[in-house]
């Protein structure tokens, strides 16, 4: 299991740029951590079980996390 914690983000809040947001299907997620490792804004960390946790202040909705998810557990949905 890979646990990724990025306490010192240090970047700007870019959440207001977002048009699409990632959504996680917990049933399909294998806790591989790829979404967290590829996130360019370090908006995704993992919990003790390796499941992704998104810091919405830093998520700009780029979709890289969903693109890199090997199981399709992370998808992008349009925000309302």
C-alpha atoms as a PDB file:
ATOM      1  CA  UNK A   1       0.000   0.000   0.000  1.00  0.00           C
ATOM      2  CA  UNK A   2       1.258   3.458  -0.905  1.00  0.00           C
ATOM      3  CA  UNK A   3       0.224   6.365   1.320  1.00  0.00           C
ATOM      4  CA  UNK A   4       0.803   9.816  -0.110  1.00  0.00           C
ATOM      5  CA  UNK A   5       0.597  12.827   2.179  1.00  0.00           C
ATOM      6  CA  UNK A   6       1.453  16.279   0.906  1.00  0.00           C
ATOM      7  CA  UNK A   7       1.067  18.596   3.860  1.00  0.00           C
ATOM      8  CA  UNK A   8       2.997  21.495   2.330  1.00  0.00           C
ATOM      9  CA  UNK A   9       1.051  22.285  -0.801  1.00  0.00           C
ATOM     10  CA  UNK A  10       2.143  25.904  -0.921  1.00  0.00           C
ATOM     11  CA  UNK A  11       0.277  26.651  -4.142  1.00  0.00           C
ATOM     12  CA  UNK A  12      -2.650  28.910  -4.882  1.00  0.00           C
ATOM     13  CA  UNK A  13      -6.243  27.894  -4.473  1.00  0.00           C
ATOM     14  CA  UNK A  14      -7.394  26.994  -7.989  1.00  0.00           C
ATOM     15  CA  UNK A  15     -10.684  25.278  -7.153  1.00  0.00           C
ATOM     16  CA  UNK A  16     -12.674  28.132  -8.654  1.00  0.00           C
ATOM     17  CA  UNK A  17     -11.272  27.257 -12.103  1.00  0.00           C
ATOM     18  CA  UNK A  18     -13.058  23.920 -12.054  1.00  0.00           C
ATOM     19  CA  UNK A  19     -15.846  23.071 -14.518  1.00  0.00           C
ATOM     20  CA  UNK A  20     -15.561  19.285 -14.137  1.00  0.00           C
ATOM     21  CA  UNK A  21     -14.786  17.520 -10.879  1.00  0.00           C
ATOM     22  CA  UNK A  22     -13.411  14.064 -10.170  1.00  0.00           C
ATOM     23  CA  UNK A  23     -15.740  11.534  -8.573  1.00  0.00           C
ATOM     24  CA  UNK A  24     -14.511   8.306  -7.021  1.00  0.00           C
ATOM     25  CA  UNK A  25     -16.272   4.953  -7.093  1.00  0.00           C
ATOM     26  CA  UNK A  26     -15.045   3.431  -3.821  1.00  0.00           C
ATOM     27  CA  UNK A  27     -16.173  -0.034  -4.902  1.00  0.00           C
ATOM     28  CA  UNK A  28     -13.884   0.008  -7.956  1.00  0.00           C
ATOM     29  CA  UNK A  29     -10.882   1.854  -6.447  1.00  0.00           C
ATOM     30  CA  UNK A  30      -7.912  -0.440  -5.755  1.00  0.00           C
ATOM     31  CA  UNK A  31      -6.019   2.216  -3.753  1.00  0.00           C
ATOM     32  CA  UNK A  32      -3.099   2.213  -6.197  1.00  0.00           C
ATOM     33  CA  UNK A  33      -2.313   5.901  -5.539  1.00  0.00           C
ATOM     34  CA  UNK A  34      -1.733   6.830  -9.181  1.00  0.00           C
ATOM     35  CA  UNK A  35      -4.317   9.614  -9.046  1.00  0.00           C
ATOM     36  CA  UNK A  36      -2.448  11.241  -6.150  1.00  0.00           C
ATOM     37  CA  UNK A  37       0.979  10.815  -7.691  1.00  0.00           C
ATOM     38  CA  UNK A  38      -0.058  12.346 -11.043  1.00  0.00           C
ATOM     39  CA  UNK A  39      -2.129  15.270  -9.679  1.00  0.00           C
ATOM     40  CA  UNK A  40      -0.287  18.434 -10.826  1.00  0.00           C
ATOM     41  CA  UNK A  41      -1.754  20.547  -8.014  1.00  0.00           C
ATOM     42  CA  UNK A  42      -1.127  17.992  -5.230  1.00  0.00           C
ATOM     43  CA  UNK A  43      -4.854  18.176  -4.520  1.00  0.00           C
ATOM     44  CA  UNK A  44      -5.118  14.437  -3.908  1.00  0.00           C
ATOM     45  CA  UNK A  45      -3.647  12.632  -0.950  1.00  0.00           C
ATOM     46  CA  UNK A  46      -4.414   9.150   0.305  1.00  0.00           C
ATOM     47  CA  UNK A  47      -5.860   7.989   3.586  1.00  0.00           C
ATOM     48  CA  UNK A  48      -4.578   5.098   5.722  1.00  0.00           C
ATOM     49  CA  UNK A  49      -6.334   2.603   3.425  1.00  0.00           C
ATOM     50  CA  UNK A  50      -4.747   4.184   0.349  1.00  0.00           C
ATOM     51  CA  UNK A  51      -8.026   5.652  -0.894  1.00  0.00           C
ATOM     52  CA  UNK A  52      -7.860   9.131  -2.475  1.00  0.00           C
ATOM     53  CA  UNK A  53      -8.896  12.241  -0.574  1.00  0.00           C
ATOM     54  CA  UNK A  54      -9.378  15.410  -2.621  1.00  0.00           C
ATOM     55  CA  UNK A  55      -8.629  18.870  -1.286  1.00  0.00           C
ATOM     56  CA  UNK A  56     -11.210  20.819  -3.310  1.00  0.00           C
ATOM     57  CA  UNK A  57      -9.387  24.130  -2.770  1.00  0.00           C
ATOM     58  CA  UNK A  58      -6.558  22.874  -4.980  1.00  0.00           C
ATOM     59  CA  UNK A  59      -8.431  20.717  -7.510  1.00  0.00           C
ATOM     60  CA  UNK A  60      -8.747  22.599 -10.799  1.00  0.00           C
ATOM     61  CA  UNK A  61     -10.661  19.821 -12.570  1.00  0.00           C
ATOM     62  CA  UNK A  62      -7.997  18.986 -15.128  1.00  0.00           C
ATOM     63  CA  UNK A  63      -8.949  15.290 -15.258  1.00  0.00           C
ATOM     64  CA  UNK A  64      -5.439  13.862 -15.094  1.00  0.00           C
ATOM     65  CA  UNK A  65      -6.434  11.762 -12.075  1.00  0.00           C
ATOM     66  CA  UNK A  66      -9.302  10.176 -13.999  1.00  0.00           C
ATOM     67  CA  UNK A  67      -7.131   9.669 -17.062  1.00  0.00           C
ATOM     68  CA  UNK A  68      -4.452   7.849 -15.071  1.00  0.00           C
ATOM     69  CA  UNK A  69      -6.855   5.654 -13.073  1.00  0.00           C
ATOM     70  CA  UNK A  70      -6.279   2.102 -14.341  1.00  0.00           C
ATOM     71  CA  UNK A  71      -9.627   0.779 -13.071  1.00  0.00           C
ATOM     72  CA  UNK A  72     -11.859   3.678 -14.105  1.00  0.00           C
ATOM     73  CA  UNK A  73     -12.772   4.341 -10.471  1.00  0.00           C
ATOM     74  CA  UNK A  74     -12.093   8.061 -10.924  1.00  0.00           C
ATOM     75  CA  UNK A  75     -14.325   9.824 -13.449  1.00  0.00           C
ATOM     76  CA  UNK A  76     -14.983  13.447 -14.293  1.00  0.00           C
ATOM     77  CA  UNK A  77     -18.467  14.925 -13.905  1.00  0.00           C
ATOM     78  CA  UNK A  78     -19.666  18.415 -14.722  1.00  0.00           C
ATOM     79  CA  UNK A  79     -20.151  20.534 -11.635  1.00  0.00           C
ATOM     80  CA  UNK A  80     -23.531  22.132 -11.124  1.00  0.00           C
END
